[in-house]
C-alpha atoms as a PDB file:
ATOM      1  CA  MET A   1       0.239   0.052   0.262  1.00  0.00           C
ATOM      2  CA  SER A   2       1.358   3.077  -0.951  1.00  0.00           C
ATOM      3  CA  THR A   3       2.126   5.693   1.634  1.00  0.00           C
ATOM      4  CA  ILE A   4       3.079   9.898   2.507  1.00  0.00           C
ATOM      5  CA  GLY A   5       6.544   9.906   3.991  1.00  0.00           C
ATOM      6  CA  PRO A   6       7.419  13.106   6.345  1.00  0.00           C
ATOM      7  CA  VAL A   7       8.335  16.419   4.836  1.00  0.00           C
ATOM      8  CA  THR A   8      11.908  16.442   2.912  1.00  0.00           C
ATOM      9  CA  TRP A   9      12.052  20.184   2.542  1.00  0.00           C
ATOM     10  CA  GLN A  10      10.150  23.050   3.274  1.00  0.00           C
ATOM     11  CA  LEU A  11       9.953  26.940   2.421  1.00  0.00           C
ATOM     12  CA  GLY A  12       7.931  29.904   3.742  1.00  0.00           C
ATOM     13  CA  LEU A  13       5.931  32.404   1.474  1.00  0.00           C
ATOM     14  CA  GLY A  14       4.239  35.753   3.260  1.00  0.00           C
ATOM     15  CA  ASP A  15       0.786  34.218   3.242  1.00  0.00           C
ATOM     16  CA  TYR A  16      -1.665  32.163   2.266  1.00  0.00           C
ATOM     17  CA  VAL A  17      -0.335  29.598  -0.705  1.00  0.00           C
ATOM     18  CA  SER A  18      -2.356  30.494  -3.775  1.00  0.00           C
ATOM     19  CA  ALA A  19      -1.012  28.801  -6.447  1.00  0.00           C
ATOM     20  CA  ILE A  20       1.341  26.149  -7.264  1.00  0.00           C
ATOM     21  CA  SER A  21       2.604  24.402 -10.769  1.00  0.00           C
ATOM     22  CA  VAL A  22       4.863  21.973 -11.117  1.00  0.00           C
ATOM     23  CA  ALA A  23       6.678  22.292 -14.654  1.00  0.00           C
ATOM     24  CA  PRO A  24       5.978  19.110 -17.109  1.00  0.00           C
ATOM     25  CA  ASP A  25       9.812  17.959 -16.798  1.00  0.00           C
ATOM     26  CA  GLY A  26       9.961  18.108 -12.649  1.00  0.00           C
ATOM     27  CA  ARG A  27      12.502  20.279 -12.619  1.00  0.00           C
ATOM     28  CA  HIS A  28      10.991  23.237 -11.076  1.00  0.00           C
ATOM     29  CA  ALA A  29       7.878  24.839  -9.651  1.00  0.00           C
ATOM     30  CA  ALA A  30       5.927  28.190  -9.655  1.00  0.00           C
ATOM     31  CA  VAL A  31       4.402  29.120  -6.502  1.00  0.00           C
ATOM     32  CA  GLY A  32       2.373  32.394  -5.247  1.00  0.00           C
ATOM     33  CA  SER A  33       0.501  33.630  -2.307  1.00  0.00           C
ATOM     34  CA  LEU A  34      -1.959  35.883  -1.282  1.00  0.00           C
ATOM     35  CA  ALA A  35       0.661  38.391  -0.275  1.00  0.00           C
ATOM     36  CA  GLY A  36       2.001  38.585  -3.517  1.00  0.00           C
ATOM     37  CA  ASP A  37       5.301  36.681  -2.776  1.00  0.00           C
ATOM     38  CA  ALA A  38       6.266  34.613  -5.789  1.00  0.00           C
ATOM     39  CA  ALA A  39       9.264  31.933  -6.588  1.00  0.00           C
ATOM     40  CA  LEU A  40      10.208  29.887  -9.236  1.00  0.00           C
ATOM     41  CA  ILE A  41      11.931  26.465  -6.818  1.00  0.00           C
ATOM     42  CA  ASP A  42      14.016  23.269  -7.282  1.00  0.00           C
ATOM     43  CA  VAL A  43      11.268  20.483  -6.882  1.00  0.00           C
ATOM     44  CA  ALA A  44      14.281  17.862  -5.840  1.00  0.00           C
ATOM     45  CA  ASP A  45      15.400  20.109  -2.821  1.00  0.00           C
ATOM     46  CA  GLY A  46      12.921  23.236  -2.591  1.00  0.00           C
ATOM     47  CA  SER A  47      16.001  25.833  -3.256  1.00  0.00           C
ATOM     48  CA  VAL A  48      14.594  29.152  -3.940  1.00  0.00           C
ATOM     49  CA  ILE A  49      15.930  29.630  -7.689  1.00  0.00           C
ATOM     50  CA  THR A  50      14.896  33.057  -8.029  1.00  0.00           C
ATOM     51  CA  LYS A  51      11.971  34.941  -6.223  1.00  0.00           C
ATOM     52  CA  LEU A  52       9.579  36.583  -9.190  1.00  0.00           C
ATOM     53  CA  ASP A  53       8.283  39.870  -9.485  1.00  0.00           C
ATOM     54  CA  GLU A  54       5.302  40.791  -6.531  1.00  0.00           C
ATOM     55  CA  HIS A  55       1.976  41.141  -7.859  1.00  0.00           C
ATOM     56  CA  PRO A  56       0.925  43.506  -4.587  1.00  0.00           C
ATOM     57  CA  PHE A  57      -2.662  42.382  -4.300  1.00  0.00           C
ATOM     58  CA  GLY A  58      -1.816  38.682  -4.757  1.00  0.00           C
ATOM     59  CA  VAL A  59      -1.186  35.749  -6.787  1.00  0.00           C
ATOM     60  CA  ALA A  60      -3.682  34.473  -8.816  1.00  0.00           C
ATOM     61  CA  ALA A  61      -3.037  31.413 -11.177  1.00  0.00           C
ATOM     62  CA  ALA A  62       0.394  30.099 -12.588  1.00  0.00           C
ATOM     63  CA  ALA A  63       1.049  27.634 -15.332  1.00  0.00           C
ATOM     64  CA  TRP A  64       3.887  25.988 -17.132  1.00  0.00           C
ATOM     65  CA  SER A  65       4.062  25.639 -20.794  1.00  0.00           C
ATOM     66  CA  ARG A  66       4.257  22.317 -22.428  1.00  0.00           C
ATOM     67  CA  ASP A  67       8.139  21.876 -23.018  1.00  0.00           C
ATOM     68  CA  ALA A  68       8.540  23.617 -19.623  1.00  0.00           C
ATOM     69  CA  THR A  69      10.616  26.315 -20.690  1.00  0.00           C
ATOM     70  CA  THR A  70       8.230  29.431 -19.728  1.00  0.00           C
ATOM     71  CA  VAL A  71       6.305  30.099 -16.696  1.00  0.00           C
ATOM     72  CA  ALA A  72       3.171  32.524 -16.269  1.00  0.00           C
ATOM     73  CA  ILE A  73       2.326  34.203 -13.487  1.00  0.00           C
ATOM     74  CA  GLY A  74      -1.339  35.516 -12.902  1.00  0.00           C
ATOM     75  CA  GLY A  75      -2.202  38.432 -10.114  1.00  0.00           C
ATOM     76  CA  HIS A  76      -5.345  40.037  -8.926  1.00  0.00           C
ATOM     77  CA  ASP A  77      -3.422  43.723 -10.178  1.00  0.00           C
ATOM     78  CA  GLY A  78      -3.840  42.036 -13.752  1.00  0.00           C
ATOM     79  CA  GLN A  79      -0.802  41.258 -14.515  1.00  0.00           C
ATOM     80  CA  VAL A  80       0.550  38.507 -15.982  1.00  0.00           C
ATOM     81  CA  ARG A  81       3.974  38.244 -16.428  1.00  0.00           C
ATOM     82  CA  LEU A  82       6.208  35.582 -18.241  1.00  0.00           C
ATOM     83  CA  TYR A  83       9.245  34.098 -17.510  1.00  0.00           C
ATOM     84  CA  ASP A  84      11.529  31.232 -18.403  1.00  0.00           C
ATOM     85  CA  THR A  85      13.269  28.388 -16.237  1.00  0.00           C
ATOM     86  CA  ASP A  86      16.116  30.661 -14.440  1.00  0.00           C
ATOM     87  CA  GLY A  87      13.151  33.030 -14.123  1.00  0.00           C
ATOM     88  CA  ASN A  88      14.608  36.207 -16.505  1.00  0.00           C
ATOM     89  CA  ALA A  89      11.051  38.396 -16.977  1.00  0.00           C
ATOM     90  CA  ARG A  90      10.543  37.670 -20.665  1.00  0.00           C
ATOM     91  CA  SER A  91       7.218  39.838 -21.073  1.00  0.00           C
ATOM     92  CA  SER A  92       4.139  41.175 -19.418  1.00  0.00           C
ATOM     93  CA  VAL A  93       0.408  41.462 -20.416  1.00  0.00           C
ATOM     94  CA  THR A  94      -1.961  43.695 -18.741  1.00  0.00           C
ATOM     95  CA  THR A  95      -5.762  42.244 -18.322  1.00  0.00           C
ATOM     96  CA  ALA A  96      -8.840  43.696 -17.854  1.00  0.00           C
ATOM     97  CA  GLY A  97      -9.344  42.199 -14.299  1.00  0.00           C
ATOM     98  CA  TRP A  98      -8.194  39.392 -12.193  1.00  0.00           C
ATOM     99  CA  ALA A  99      -5.735  37.067 -14.013  1.00  0.00           C
ATOM    100  CA  SER A 100      -6.881  33.811 -12.035  1.00  0.00           C
ATOM    101  CA  SER A 101      -7.235  31.423 -15.091  1.00  0.00           C
ATOM    102  CA  LEU A 102      -4.026  30.517 -17.404  1.00  0.00           C
ATOM    103  CA  ALA A 103      -4.034  27.487 -19.239  1.00  0.00           C
ATOM    104  CA  TRP A 104      -1.573  26.594 -22.163  1.00  0.00           C
ATOM    105  CA  SER A 105      -2.396  25.080 -25.232  1.00  0.00           C
ATOM    106  CA  PRO A 106      -1.218  20.892 -25.451  1.00  0.00           C
ATOM    107  CA  THR A 107       0.097  21.542 -28.526  1.00  0.00           C
ATOM    108  CA  ASP A 108       1.023  25.419 -29.390  1.00  0.00           C
ATOM    109  CA  ASP A 109       2.863  27.404 -27.517  1.00  0.00           C
ATOM    110  CA  LEU A 110      -0.218  29.741 -26.768  1.00  0.00           C
ATOM    111  CA  LEU A 111      -1.561  30.907 -23.272  1.00  0.00           C
ATOM    112  CA  ALA A 112      -4.927  30.828 -22.740  1.00  0.00           C
ATOM    113  CA  VAL A 113      -5.722  33.862 -19.754  1.00  0.00           C
ATOM    114  CA  GLY A 114      -9.116  34.693 -18.231  1.00  0.00           C
ATOM    115  CA  ALA A 115      -9.685  37.619 -16.463  1.00  0.00           C
ATOM    116  CA  GLY A 116     -13.083  39.944 -15.797  1.00  0.00           C
ATOM    117  CA  ARG A 117     -14.963  38.910 -18.192  1.00  0.00           C
ATOM    118  CA  THR A 118     -12.348  38.133 -21.663  1.00  0.00           C
ATOM    119  CA  MET A 119     -10.532  35.447 -22.680  1.00  0.00           C
ATOM    120  CA  GLN A 120      -7.524  36.243 -24.695  1.00  0.00           C
ATOM    121  CA  LEU A 121      -4.881  34.049 -26.354  1.00  0.00           C
ATOM    122  CA  VAL A 122      -1.387  35.006 -25.899  1.00  0.00           C
ATOM    123  CA  ASP A 123       2.271  33.549 -27.523  1.00  0.00           C
ATOM    124  CA  ASP A 124       5.146  32.711 -25.164  1.00  0.00           C
ATOM    125  CA  THR A 125       6.617  36.478 -25.964  1.00  0.00           C
ATOM    126  CA  GLY A 126       4.085  38.136 -24.476  1.00  0.00           C
ATOM    127  CA  ALA A 127       2.022  39.081 -27.616  1.00  0.00           C
ATOM    128  CA  VAL A 128      -1.766  38.819 -27.579  1.00  0.00           C
ATOM    129  CA  VAL A 129      -2.269  37.053 -30.491  1.00  0.00           C
ATOM    130  CA  ARG A 130      -6.484  37.605 -29.904  1.00  0.00           C
ATOM    131  CA  ALA A 131      -9.000  38.964 -27.411  1.00  0.00           C
ATOM    132  CA  HIS A 132     -12.332  37.588 -27.548  1.00  0.00           C
ATOM    133  CA  ASP A 133     -15.432  38.887 -27.014  1.00  0.00           C
ATOM    134  CA  PRO A 134     -16.784  39.280 -23.480  1.00  0.00           C
ATOM    135  CA  VAL A 135     -18.542  36.602 -21.537  1.00  0.00           C
ATOM    136  CA  ALA A 136     -22.127  37.213 -19.617  1.00  0.00           C
ATOM    137  CA  SER A 137     -20.243  36.992 -16.364  1.00  0.00           C
ATOM    138  CA  THR A 138     -16.781  36.656 -14.503  1.00  0.00           C
ATOM    139  CA  VAL A 139     -14.597  34.152 -16.704  1.00  0.00           C
ATOM    140  CA  THR A 140     -14.147  31.200 -13.712  1.00  0.00           C
ATOM    141  CA  ALA A 141     -11.823  28.765 -15.797  1.00  0.00           C
ATOM    142  CA  VAL A 142     -10.173  27.837 -18.945  1.00  0.00           C
ATOM    143  CA  THR A 143      -9.602  25.159 -20.307  1.00  0.00           C
ATOM    144  CA  TRP A 144      -7.960  23.212 -23.662  1.00  0.00           C
ATOM    145  CA  SER A 145      -9.332  20.585 -25.505  1.00  0.00           C
ATOM    146  CA  PRO A 146      -6.598  17.610 -25.943  1.00  0.00           C
ATOM    147  CA  ASN A 147      -6.213  18.273 -29.736  1.00  0.00           C
ATOM    148  CA  GLY A 148      -5.345  21.740 -29.180  1.00  0.00           C
ATOM    149  CA  LYS A 149      -8.211  22.893 -31.521  1.00  0.00           C
ATOM    150  CA  ARG A 150     -10.482  24.276 -28.947  1.00  0.00           C
ATOM    151  CA  VAL A 151     -10.761  26.615 -25.945  1.00  0.00           C
ATOM    152  CA  GLY A 152     -13.512  26.042 -23.146  1.00  0.00           C
ATOM    153  CA  VAL A 153     -14.329  29.534 -20.877  1.00  0.00           C
ATOM    154  CA  ALA A 154     -16.437  28.199 -17.942  1.00  0.00           C
ATOM    155  CA  ALA A 155     -18.756  31.714 -16.695  1.00  0.00           C
ATOM    156  CA  TYR A 156     -22.351  32.259 -15.809  1.00  0.00           C
ATOM    157  CA  GLY A 157     -25.137  30.670 -18.052  1.00  0.00           C
ATOM    158  CA  GLY A 158     -22.638  28.031 -19.803  1.00  0.00           C
ATOM    159  CA  VAL A 159     -18.742  27.617 -21.735  1.00  0.00           C
ATOM    160  CA  ALA A 160     -17.847  29.774 -24.857  1.00  0.00           C
ATOM    161  CA  TRP A 161     -15.981  27.089 -27.021  1.00  0.00           C
ATOM    162  CA  TYR A 162     -13.357  29.487 -29.362  1.00  0.00           C
ATOM    163  CA  ASP A 163     -11.241  28.145 -31.980  1.00  0.00           C
ATOM    164  CA  PRO A 164      -7.525  29.403 -31.575  1.00  0.00           C
ATOM    165  CA  GLU A 165      -6.909  29.136 -35.254  1.00  0.00           C
ATOM    166  CA  ARG A 166      -9.962  30.988 -36.198  1.00  0.00           C
ATOM    167  CA  ASP A 167      -9.456  34.933 -37.247  1.00  0.00           C
ATOM    168  CA  ARG A 168     -13.061  35.985 -35.214  1.00  0.00           C
ATOM    169  CA  SER A 169     -13.670  36.768 -31.762  1.00  0.00           C
ATOM    170  CA  ASP A 170     -16.701  35.582 -31.329  1.00  0.00           C
ATOM    171  CA  PRO A 171     -17.549  31.507 -30.234  1.00  0.00           C
ATOM    172  CA  THR A 172     -17.449  28.897 -32.169  1.00  0.00           C
ATOM    173  CA  ARG A 173     -20.225  26.884 -30.474  1.00  0.00           C
ATOM    174  CA  PHE A 174     -21.879  28.022 -26.301  1.00  0.00           C
ATOM    175  CA  SER A 175     -23.026  24.832 -24.479  1.00  0.00           C
ATOM    176  CA  ALA A 176     -25.354  27.021 -22.331  1.00  0.00           C
ATOM    177  CA  TRP A 177     -26.176  26.009 -18.160  1.00  0.00           C
ATOM    178  CA  LYS A 178     -29.039  28.249 -16.907  1.00  0.00           C
ATOM    179  CA  GLY A 179     -26.396  28.960 -13.628  1.00  0.00           C
ATOM    180  CA  SER A 180     -23.372  29.544 -12.035  1.00  0.00           C
ATOM    181  CA  LEU A 181     -19.888  28.069 -13.316  1.00  0.00           C
ATOM    182  CA  LEU A 182     -17.202  27.338 -11.260  1.00  0.00           C
ATOM    183  CA  SER A 183     -14.948  24.683 -12.642  1.00  0.00           C
ATOM    184  CA  LEU A 184     -14.548  23.109 -15.645  1.00  0.00           C
ATOM    185  CA  ALA A 185     -12.738  19.670 -17.125  1.00  0.00           C
ATOM    186  CA  LEU A 186     -12.483  18.399 -19.998  1.00  0.00           C
ATOM    187  CA  ALA A 187     -11.661  14.585 -20.381  1.00  0.00           C
ATOM    188  CA  PRO A 188      -8.740  13.243 -21.702  1.00  0.00           C
ATOM    189  CA  ASN A 189      -9.824  11.597 -24.237  1.00  0.00           C
ATOM    190  CA  GLY A 190     -11.828  14.641 -25.763  1.00  0.00           C
ATOM    191  CA  ARG A 191     -15.263  13.072 -25.243  1.00  0.00           C
ATOM    192  CA  TRP A 192     -16.288  15.290 -22.629  1.00  0.00           C
ATOM    193  CA  ALA A 193     -16.952  18.738 -20.741  1.00  0.00           C
ATOM    194  CA  CYS A 194     -17.858  18.716 -17.011  1.00  0.00           C
ATOM    195  CA  ALA A 195     -18.390  22.086 -14.690  1.00  0.00           C
ATOM    196  CA  GLY A 196     -18.771  22.217 -11.216  1.00  0.00           C
ATOM    197  CA  SER A 197     -22.071  24.881 -10.356  1.00  0.00           C
ATOM    198  CA  GLN A 198     -22.947  27.815  -8.152  1.00  0.00           C
ATOM    199  CA  ASP A 199     -26.478  25.259  -7.825  1.00  0.00           C
ATOM    200  CA  ARG A 200     -24.316  21.795  -6.134  1.00  0.00           C
ATOM    201  CA  SER A 201     -24.374  20.310  -9.178  1.00  0.00           C
ATOM    202  CA  ILE A 202     -22.324  18.976 -12.272  1.00  0.00           C
ATOM    203  CA  HIS A 203     -23.220  19.682 -15.719  1.00  0.00           C
ATOM    204  CA  ILE A 204     -21.649  16.967 -18.395  1.00  0.00           C
ATOM    205  CA  TRP A 205     -21.525  17.572 -22.295  1.00  0.00           C
ATOM    206  CA  ARG A 206     -20.457  15.034 -24.429  1.00  0.00           C
ATOM    207  CA  LEU A 207     -17.847  16.574 -26.697  1.00  0.00           C
ATOM    208  CA  TRP A 208     -19.073  17.944 -29.516  1.00  0.00           C
ATOM    209  CA  SER A 209     -22.581  16.166 -30.560  1.00  0.00           C
ATOM    210  CA  GLY A 210     -23.802  18.484 -27.894  1.00  0.00           C
ATOM    211  CA  ASP A 211     -26.021  15.912 -25.586  1.00  0.00           C
ATOM    212  CA  GLU A 212     -25.929  16.746 -21.560  1.00  0.00           C
ATOM    213  CA  LEU A 213     -26.520  15.538 -18.325  1.00  0.00           C
ATOM    214  CA  SER A 214     -26.046  17.369 -14.757  1.00  0.00           C
ATOM    215  CA  MET A 215     -25.834  14.645 -11.554  1.00  0.00           C
ATOM    216  CA  ALA A 216     -27.314  17.295  -8.529  1.00  0.00           C
ATOM    217  CA  GLY A 217     -27.857  16.587  -5.318  1.00  0.00           C
ATOM    218  CA  TYR A 218     -24.588  17.534  -3.877  1.00  0.00           C
ATOM    219  CA  PRO A 219     -24.304  19.440  -0.498  1.00  0.00           C
ATOM    220  CA  ALA A 220     -23.457  22.687  -1.405  1.00  0.00           C
ATOM    221  CA  LYS A 221     -21.310  24.367  -4.863  1.00  0.00           C
ATOM    222  CA  VAL A 222     -18.614  22.145  -6.312  1.00  0.00           C
ATOM    223  CA  GLU A 223     -15.075  24.124  -6.850  1.00  0.00           C
ATOM    224  CA  HIS A 224     -13.047  21.153  -7.622  1.00  0.00           C
ATOM    225  CA  ILE A 225     -12.982  18.554 -10.154  1.00  0.00           C
ATOM    226  CA  GLY A 226     -10.394  16.575 -12.335  1.00  0.00           C
ATOM    227  CA  PHE A 227     -10.051  13.441 -14.808  1.00  0.00           C
ATOM    228  CA  ARG A 228      -7.891  10.682 -14.346  1.00  0.00           C
ATOM    229  CA  ASP A 229      -5.236  10.833 -17.244  1.00  0.00           C
ATOM    230  CA  ASP A 230      -6.777   7.973 -19.214  1.00  0.00           C
ATOM    231  CA  GLY A 231     -10.202   9.379 -18.617  1.00  0.00           C
ATOM    232  CA  ARG A 232     -12.023   6.985 -16.913  1.00  0.00           C
ATOM    233  CA  TRP A 233     -12.811   8.327 -14.028  1.00  0.00           C
ATOM    234  CA  MET A 234     -13.202  11.435 -12.771  1.00  0.00           C
ATOM    235  CA  ALA A 235     -13.282  13.273  -8.858  1.00  0.00           C
ATOM    236  CA  THR A 236     -14.775  15.439  -7.739  1.00  0.00           C
ATOM    237  CA  ALA A 237     -15.150  17.134  -4.131  1.00  0.00           C
ATOM    238  CA  CYS A 238     -17.967  19.207  -2.045  1.00  0.00           C
ATOM    239  CA  LEU A 239     -17.331  20.220   1.825  1.00  0.00           C
ATOM    240  CA  GLY A 240     -15.822  16.817   2.960  1.00  0.00           C
ATOM    241  CA  ASN A 241     -17.561  14.208   0.461  1.00  0.00           C
ATOM    242  CA  LEU A 242     -15.391  12.838  -2.521  1.00  0.00           C
ATOM    243  CA  ALA A 243     -17.276  11.685  -5.125  1.00  0.00           C
ATOM    244  CA  VAL A 244     -15.281   9.662  -8.248  1.00  0.00           C
ATOM    245  CA  TRP A 245     -17.768   8.735 -11.229  1.00  0.00           C
ATOM    246  CA  GLU A 246     -16.732   6.577 -13.800  1.00  0.00           C
ATOM    247  CA  PHE A 247     -16.591   7.459 -17.423  1.00  0.00           C
ATOM    248  CA  PRO A 248     -17.794   4.590 -19.715  1.00  0.00           C
ATOM    249  CA  SER A 249     -18.346   5.133 -23.408  1.00  0.00           C
ATOM    250  CA  ARG A 250     -22.367   6.008 -22.545  1.00  0.00           C
ATOM    251  CA  GLY A 251     -21.122   8.431 -19.974  1.00  0.00           C
ATOM    252  CA  PRO A 252     -21.893   8.540 -16.159  1.00  0.00           C
ATOM    253  CA  GLY A 253     -25.532   8.727 -16.258  1.00  0.00           C
ATOM    254  CA  GLY A 254     -27.424   6.463 -14.272  1.00  0.00           C
ATOM    255  CA  SER A 255     -24.543   5.525 -12.559  1.00  0.00           C
ATOM    256  CA  ALA A 256     -23.206   5.631  -8.594  1.00  0.00           C
ATOM    257  CA  PRO A 257     -19.860   7.212  -7.841  1.00  0.00           C
ATOM    258  CA  ALA A 258     -17.471   5.602  -5.022  1.00  0.00           C
ATOM    259  CA  THR A 259     -17.507   7.877  -2.587  1.00  0.00           C
ATOM    260  CA  ALA A 260     -15.592   8.884   0.651  1.00  0.00           C
ATOM    261  CA  THR A 261     -16.034  11.249   3.516  1.00  0.00           C
ATOM    262  CA  VAL A 262     -12.946  13.488   4.543  1.00  0.00           C
ATOM    263  CA  ARG A 263     -13.922  13.545   8.345  1.00  0.00           C
ATOM    264  CA  GLU A 264     -16.076  16.742   8.463  1.00  0.00           C
ATOM    265  CA  GLN A 265     -13.272  19.478   6.801  1.00  0.00           C
ATOM    266  CA  THR A 266     -13.705  21.104   3.732  1.00  0.00           C
ATOM    267  CA  ILE A 267     -11.716  19.642   0.948  1.00  0.00           C
ATOM    268  CA  GLU A 268      -9.757  22.341  -0.750  1.00  0.00           C
ATOM    269  CA  SER A 269      -7.667  21.010  -3.498  1.00  0.00           C
ATOM    270  CA  LEU A 270      -7.210  17.500  -5.676  1.00  0.00           C
ATOM    271  CA  ALA A 271      -4.921  16.232  -7.856  1.00  0.00           C
ATOM    272  CA  TRP A 272      -4.484  12.677  -9.725  1.00  0.00           C
ATOM    273  CA  GLU A 273      -1.197  10.909 -10.321  1.00  0.00           C
ATOM    274  CA  PRO A 274      -0.063  12.023 -13.761  1.00  0.00           C
ATOM    275  CA  GLY A 275       0.238   8.914 -15.672  1.00  0.00           C
ATOM    276  CA  GLY A 276      -1.078   6.686 -12.715  1.00  0.00           C
ATOM    277  CA  ASP A 277      -4.505   5.874 -10.649  1.00  0.00           C
ATOM    278  CA  ARG A 278      -3.907   7.367  -7.339  1.00  0.00           C
ATOM    279  CA  LEU A 279      -5.546  10.600  -6.412  1.00  0.00           C
ATOM    280  CA  VAL A 280      -4.739  13.089  -3.253  1.00  0.00           C
ATOM    281  CA  THR A 281      -6.914  15.067  -1.560  1.00  0.00           C
ATOM    282  CA  GLY A 282      -5.916  18.256   0.883  1.00  0.00           C
ATOM    283  CA  ASP A 283      -8.452  19.654   3.485  1.00  0.00           C
ATOM    284  CA  ALA A 284      -8.593  22.893   5.628  1.00  0.00           C
ATOM    285  CA  ASP A 285      -7.840  21.042   8.878  1.00  0.00           C
ATOM    286  CA  GLY A 286      -4.242  20.434   7.184  1.00  0.00           C
ATOM    287  CA  HIS A 287      -4.479  16.489   6.087  1.00  0.00           C
ATOM    288  CA  VAL A 288      -3.110  15.326   2.655  1.00  0.00           C
ATOM    289  CA  ILE A 289      -5.058  11.509   1.628  1.00  0.00           C
ATOM    290  CA  LEU A 290      -4.025   9.687  -0.608  1.00  0.00           C
ATOM    291  CA  TRP A 291      -6.726   7.478  -1.950  1.00  0.00           C
ATOM    292  CA  PRO A 292      -6.374   4.591  -4.870  1.00  0.00           C
ATOM    293  CA  SER A 293      -8.682   4.598  -7.170  1.00  0.00           C
ATOM    294  CA  PRO A 294     -12.298   3.226  -7.595  1.00  0.00           C
ATOM    295  CA  ARG A 295     -11.844  -0.726  -8.923  1.00  0.00           C
ATOM    296  CA  ARG A 296     -16.200  -0.383  -9.453  1.00  0.00           C
ATOM    297  CA  GLN A 297     -18.991   2.052  -9.385  1.00  0.00           C
ATOM    298  CA  GLY A 298     -20.556   2.488  -6.248  1.00  0.00           C
ATOM    299  CA  ALA A 299     -17.883   1.038  -3.746  1.00  0.00           C
ATOM    300  CA  THR A 300     -16.242   3.255  -0.535  1.00  0.00           C
ATOM    301  CA  LEU A 301     -13.447   4.238  -1.102  1.00  0.00           C
ATOM    302  CA  ARG A 302     -10.423   3.740   1.732  1.00  0.00           C
ATOM    303  CA  PRO A 303      -7.285   5.914   1.762  1.00  0.00           C
ATOM    304  CA  HIS A 304      -4.018   4.385   1.753  1.00  0.00           C
ATOM    305  CA  ASP A 305      -2.622   6.821   3.825  1.00  0.00           C
ATOM    306  CA  VAL A 306      -3.190  10.149   5.712  1.00  0.00           C
ATOM    307  CA  ALA A 307      -0.983  12.922   6.515  1.00  0.00           C
ATOM    308  CA  ASP A 308      -1.842  15.133   9.888  1.00  0.00           C
ATOM    309  CA  SER A 309      -0.194  17.537  10.283  1.00  0.00           C
ATOM    310  CA  GLY A 310       0.686  21.681   9.639  1.00  0.00           C
ATOM    311  CA  ALA A 311      -1.914  23.968   9.047  1.00  0.00           C
ATOM    312  CA  GLY A 312      -4.606  24.212   6.335  1.00  0.00           C
ATOM    313  CA  VAL A 313      -4.340  22.766   3.034  1.00  0.00           C
ATOM    314  CA  ALA A 314      -4.537  25.348  -0.254  1.00  0.00           C
ATOM    315  CA  HIS A 315      -3.137  23.366  -2.601  1.00  0.00           C
ATOM    316  CA  VAL A 316      -1.689  20.080  -3.382  1.00  0.00           C
ATOM    317  CA  GLU A 317       0.383  18.794  -6.490  1.00  0.00           C
ATOM    318  CA  TRP A 318       2.215  15.557  -7.800  1.00  0.00           C
ATOM    319  CA  SER A 319       5.741  15.700  -8.550  1.00  0.00           C
ATOM    320  CA  ALA A 320       5.898  14.896 -12.939  1.00  0.00           C
ATOM    321  CA  ASP A 321       7.004  11.492 -11.681  1.00  0.00           C
ATOM    322  CA  GLY A 322       4.541  10.846  -8.787  1.00  0.00           C
ATOM    323  CA  GLY A 323       7.401  10.164  -5.919  1.00  0.00           C
ATOM    324  CA  ALA A 324       6.476  13.474  -4.299  1.00  0.00           C
ATOM    325  CA  LEU A 325       3.737  15.702  -3.406  1.00  0.00           C
ATOM    326  CA  ILE A 326       4.205  19.365  -3.467  1.00  0.00           C
ATOM    327  CA  ILE A 327       1.643  21.249  -0.956  1.00  0.00           C
ATOM    328  CA  GLY A 328       0.882  24.514   0.209  1.00  0.00           C
ATOM    329  CA  ARG A 329      -0.359  25.415   3.351  1.00  0.00           C
ATOM    330  CA  ASP A 330      -2.590  28.587   4.131  1.00  0.00           C
ATOM    331  CA  ASP A 331      -0.145  29.944   6.785  1.00  0.00           C
ATOM    332  CA  GLY A 332       2.378  30.236   3.554  1.00  0.00           C
ATOM    333  CA  THR A 333       4.081  27.184   3.915  1.00  0.00           C
ATOM    334  CA  VAL A 334       5.393  25.387   0.951  1.00  0.00           C
ATOM    335  CA  GLU A 335       6.672  21.949   1.434  1.00  0.00           C
ATOM    336  CA  ALA A 336       7.460  18.791  -0.246  1.00  0.00           C
ATOM    337  CA  ARG A 337       6.893  14.601   1.226  1.00  0.00           C
ATOM    338  CA  GLY A 338       7.612  11.511  -0.771  1.00  0.00           C
ATOM    339  CA  VAL A 339       5.083   9.497  -2.215  1.00  0.00           C
ATOM    340  CA  SER A 340       6.024   5.123  -2.098  1.00  0.00           C
ATOM    341  CA  LYS A 341       4.866   2.619  -5.030  1.00  0.00           C
END
């Protein structure tokens, strides 16, 4: 059974850890806090490669390019800054609001930036390739289809889909939903788009037929969702409840999820092991919990291990090889713990 090891390194930021992004090659991570601190660190030992420019009103998001050569940091000051792997600033982009949603294309060097009611595409030099028409309300999430042919933008009223190759600023299509969408995930196999909603439900669209369904009955709004890398299982977290839905070819309709209750604390972060079948969650009471992937629908999940120490967990991410967890806490601590296979 997998276990979570002791802390191998630790560093402190000025406040609540609001962003962690691990580079695809596993060497570096970018971290940021609500105090505005940002840094580039070595994943192996936690040493600070360089401190990055502060964002006076707090760091909102961080994201690495697919080739691990460029990291983008977005702030509540409306600035997105691009850096190389040594922390040298390449360029900056001014946005129309909090730059809280960043996503690099899986196939090209294009960054989707969601800020305020707008989404714009930026290349790795910081040049704005296209600014898209405003959506109905504040952008809550942006994500790419696995083939890089569409960018999804979630907001109140649904998901707008844009074609990065089309020389137009309006959506190619729109997946409507009469409510406020808070999170968005696309299945790695390109078949499904799933959004967590303010109205205590998950809304699902089959790509690209437009067929849709909803799973309701959650006790509160659904902010945390994520697919396993093979697209078979999708994890959702709501308060202290973890539910993992199976996605066969016909979809999850009519099925029962595998479930677990994480004591009585709110789950603040979840992440699937890269290329693997383990899931990690972090909660507001400081627990980091390692879960096995379900084997069947409707099962009760039992954790592999629980690390119970420190302040509340704000973010938890896997190292690229699945051998460690990078944990950000609400007191500004960033730490690493090894994970056994």
